[in-house]
Amino acid sequence: MAESLHRLLDTLYVACIWVAGLCMALMTLFIPWGIFTRYVLGTGSQWPEPISILLMMVFTFLGAAAAYRSGAHIAVAMLTQRLPEWGQRVCDRLVQAFMLTLSGFMLVNGLELCRETWGQSIPELPWLPVGFTYLPVPLGGLITALFVIEHAAFGPQSAREVVNVDAQEGAQP
């Protein structure tokens, strides 16, 4: 069961990385397009800025979840590294509890924010509900919570042993 859970979360982790990377790539195209239309063509497209802001939200919240799982987030370990082993474990559990609380806050309040603003629209993009633009907040909270639970139950992803699936199934390379 643990191995199938790890595979599912590995897939979710890779999806977060790819979506965040795609958002970054699209922003690098859309923002120059907006500048080009404004200053060269003199017309100024209305959509690049709000779409880029939405892409930045997706990039931020999904990228942060992926960074948390991989251990690439900002961490100040100067104090905890000097603690005895039991103190490090206590600090790790406290961090996991705070992260789970924060993720729950993002999920619950993000969903409420989406619900409250779903009927509003962005002037430059009248077809796009404002509530939709806030979906990365609860989605990022949910994904981060899953990664926190995985970390609390099985330890950090970076410390996991890589399993050769072919060898387990008896397949010949």
Protein backbone atom coordinates (compact mmCIF):
# COMPACT_ATOMS: atom_id res chain seq x y z
CA MET A 1 0.00 0.00 0.00
CA ALA A 2 2.80 2.42 0.90
CA GLU A 3 4.49 1.84 -2.44
CA SER A 4 1.32 2.63 -4.41
CA LEU A 5 0.81 5.76 -2.30
CA HIS A 6 4.39 6.82 -3.02
CA ARG A 7 3.83 6.25 -6.74
CA LEU A 8 0.65 8.33 -6.68
CA LEU A 9 2.37 11.16 -4.82
CA ASP A 10 5.42 10.88 -7.10
CA THR A 11 3.07 11.37 -10.06
CA LEU A 12 1.41 14.33 -8.37
CA TYR A 13 4.83 15.79 -7.55
CA VAL A 14 6.02 15.50 -11.16
CA ALA A 15 2.72 17.00 -12.38
CA CYS A 16 3.23 19.98 -10.04
CA ILE A 17 6.72 20.51 -11.42
CA TRP A 18 5.56 20.31 -15.02
CA VAL A 19 2.56 22.60 -14.50
CA ALA A 20 4.72 25.14 -12.62
CA GLY A 21 7.35 25.00 -15.37
CA LEU A 22 4.73 25.41 -18.09
CA CYS A 23 3.29 28.42 -16.26
CA MET A 24 6.73 30.00 -16.08
CA ALA A 25 7.34 29.35 -19.79
CA LEU A 26 3.98 30.83 -20.77
CA MET A 27 4.61 33.92 -18.62
CA THR A 28 7.90 34.48 -20.43
CA LEU A 29 5.94 34.56 -23.68
CA PHE A 30 2.86 36.52 -22.59
CA ILE A 31 4.58 39.40 -20.78
CA PRO A 32 6.85 40.35 -23.71
CA TRP A 33 3.80 40.09 -26.00
CA GLY A 34 1.98 42.62 -23.83
CA ILE A 35 5.00 44.95 -23.92
CA PHE A 36 5.34 44.52 -27.68
CA THR A 37 1.68 45.33 -28.37
CA ARG A 38 1.73 48.33 -26.05
CA TYR A 39 4.96 50.00 -27.13
CA VAL A 40 5.52 48.78 -30.69
CA LEU A 41 2.02 48.32 -32.05
CA GLY A 42 0.50 51.03 -29.85
CA THR A 43 -2.63 48.93 -29.17
CA GLY A 44 -1.88 47.23 -25.86
CA SER A 45 -3.37 43.76 -25.40
CA GLN A 46 -5.52 43.56 -22.29
CA TRP A 47 -5.10 39.84 -21.57
CA PRO A 48 -1.34 39.24 -20.97
CA GLU A 49 -1.18 40.85 -17.53
CA PRO A 50 -4.18 39.13 -15.86
CA ILE A 51 -3.34 35.77 -17.44
CA SER A 52 0.28 36.12 -16.29
CA ILE A 53 -0.88 36.92 -12.76
CA LEU A 54 -3.03 33.78 -12.79
CA LEU A 55 -0.09 31.74 -14.09
CA MET A 56 2.10 33.18 -11.33
CA MET A 57 -0.42 32.05 -8.71
CA VAL A 58 -0.45 28.53 -10.14
CA PHE A 59 3.35 28.54 -10.34
CA THR A 60 3.67 29.77 -6.76
CA PHE A 61 1.28 27.41 -5.01
CA LEU A 62 2.01 24.23 -6.97
CA GLY A 63 5.73 25.01 -7.10
CA ALA A 64 5.79 25.56 -3.34
CA ALA A 65 4.12 22.18 -2.75
CA ALA A 66 6.70 20.48 -4.97
CA ALA A 67 9.55 22.35 -3.28
CA TYR A 68 8.27 21.26 0.12
CA ARG A 69 8.17 17.61 -0.90
CA SER A 70 11.66 17.65 -2.37
CA GLY A 71 13.10 19.50 0.63
CA ALA A 72 14.10 22.42 -1.60
CA HIS A 73 12.11 25.00 0.37
CA ILE A 74 13.76 27.68 2.45
CA ALA A 75 14.76 26.20 5.79
CA VAL A 76 16.90 27.63 8.55
CA ALA A 77 18.44 24.59 10.18
CA MET A 78 21.29 26.26 12.06
CA LEU A 79 19.57 25.79 15.43
CA THR A 80 18.01 22.37 14.83
CA GLN A 81 21.25 20.86 13.56
CA ARG A 82 22.85 21.63 16.90
CA LEU A 83 20.14 19.85 18.88
CA PRO A 84 20.39 16.23 19.99
CA GLU A 85 18.61 13.61 17.87
CA TRP A 86 15.43 13.67 19.98
CA GLY A 87 15.30 17.48 19.76
CA GLN A 88 15.60 17.34 15.98
CA ARG A 89 12.71 14.84 15.85
CA VAL A 90 10.56 17.10 18.06
CA CYS A 91 11.30 20.12 15.86
CA ASP A 92 10.53 18.08 12.73
CA ARG A 93 7.15 17.04 14.17
CA LEU A 94 6.37 20.65 15.13
CA VAL A 95 7.20 21.82 11.61
CA GLN A 96 4.96 19.09 10.17
CA ALA A 97 2.11 20.14 12.49
CA PHE A 98 2.51 23.81 11.50
CA MET A 99 2.68 22.90 7.81
CA LEU A 100 -0.45 20.77 8.08
CA THR A 101 -2.25 23.60 9.89
CA LEU A 102 -1.17 26.09 7.21
CA SER A 103 -2.20 23.73 4.42
CA GLY A 104 -5.60 23.22 6.05
CA PHE A 105 -6.02 26.98 6.38
CA MET A 106 -5.20 27.42 2.68
CA LEU A 107 -7.62 24.68 1.70
CA VAL A 108 -10.59 25.76 3.80
CA ASN A 109 -10.25 29.53 3.41
CA GLY A 110 -9.15 29.24 -0.23
CA LEU A 111 -12.32 27.31 -1.06
CA GLU A 112 -14.38 29.94 0.74
CA LEU A 113 -12.58 32.69 -1.21
CA CYS A 114 -13.33 30.89 -4.48
CA ARG A 115 -16.99 30.45 -3.55
CA GLU A 116 -17.41 34.07 -2.48
CA THR A 117 -15.83 35.52 -5.64
CA TRP A 118 -17.09 33.04 -8.25
CA GLY A 119 -19.80 35.43 -9.48
CA GLN A 120 -17.36 38.29 -10.08
CA SER A 121 -15.41 38.81 -13.28
CA ILE A 122 -12.14 40.41 -14.26
CA PRO A 123 -12.76 43.48 -16.48
CA GLU A 124 -10.07 42.46 -19.00
CA LEU A 125 -11.35 38.86 -19.08
CA PRO A 126 -15.11 38.96 -18.52
CA TRP A 127 -15.45 35.24 -19.32
CA LEU A 128 -13.16 34.24 -16.42
CA PRO A 129 -14.71 34.15 -12.92
CA VAL A 130 -12.53 35.69 -10.22
CA GLY A 131 -13.17 32.62 -8.07
CA PHE A 132 -11.47 30.47 -10.69
CA THR A 133 -8.33 32.56 -10.43
CA TYR A 134 -8.14 31.75 -6.69
CA LEU A 135 -8.34 27.96 -7.21
CA PRO A 136 -4.53 27.56 -6.95
CA VAL A 137 -4.76 28.50 -3.26
CA PRO A 138 -6.93 25.58 -2.06
CA LEU A 139 -5.38 23.24 -4.62
CA GLY A 140 -1.89 24.09 -3.40
CA GLY A 141 -3.08 23.64 0.19
CA LEU A 142 -4.51 20.20 -0.58
CA ILE A 143 -1.39 19.01 -2.39
CA THR A 144 0.89 20.38 0.31
CA ALA A 145 -1.22 18.66 2.98
CA LEU A 146 -0.85 15.35 1.15
CA PHE A 147 2.92 15.84 0.99
CA VAL A 148 3.05 16.77 4.70
CA ILE A 149 1.10 13.66 5.65
CA GLU A 150 3.45 11.57 3.51
CA HIS A 151 6.46 13.18 5.21
CA ALA A 152 5.01 12.63 8.68
CA ALA A 153 4.13 8.98 7.98
CA PHE A 154 7.13 7.85 5.93
CA GLY A 155 9.82 10.49 6.41
CA PRO A 156 11.10 12.94 3.82
CA GLN A 157 10.89 11.95 0.16
CA SER A 158 14.58 12.63 -0.31
CA ALA A 159 15.45 9.92 2.26
CA ARG A 160 13.34 7.24 0.57
CA GLU A 161 15.12 4.30 -0.95
CA VAL A 162 14.74 4.04 -4.71
CA VAL A 163 12.96 0.80 -5.53
CA ASN A 164 13.64 -1.05 -8.77
CA VAL A 165 10.13 -2.04 -9.88
CA ASP A 166 11.41 -4.43 -12.57
CA ALA A 167 13.40 -6.42 -10.01
CA GLN A 168 10.36 -6.70 -7.73
CA GLU A 169 8.16 -8.07 -10.47
CA GLY A 170 10.80 -10.55 -11.55
CA ALA A 171 11.21 -8.94 -14.96
CA GLN A 172 14.48 -9.30 -16.77
CA PRO A 173 16.14 -6.06 -17.93
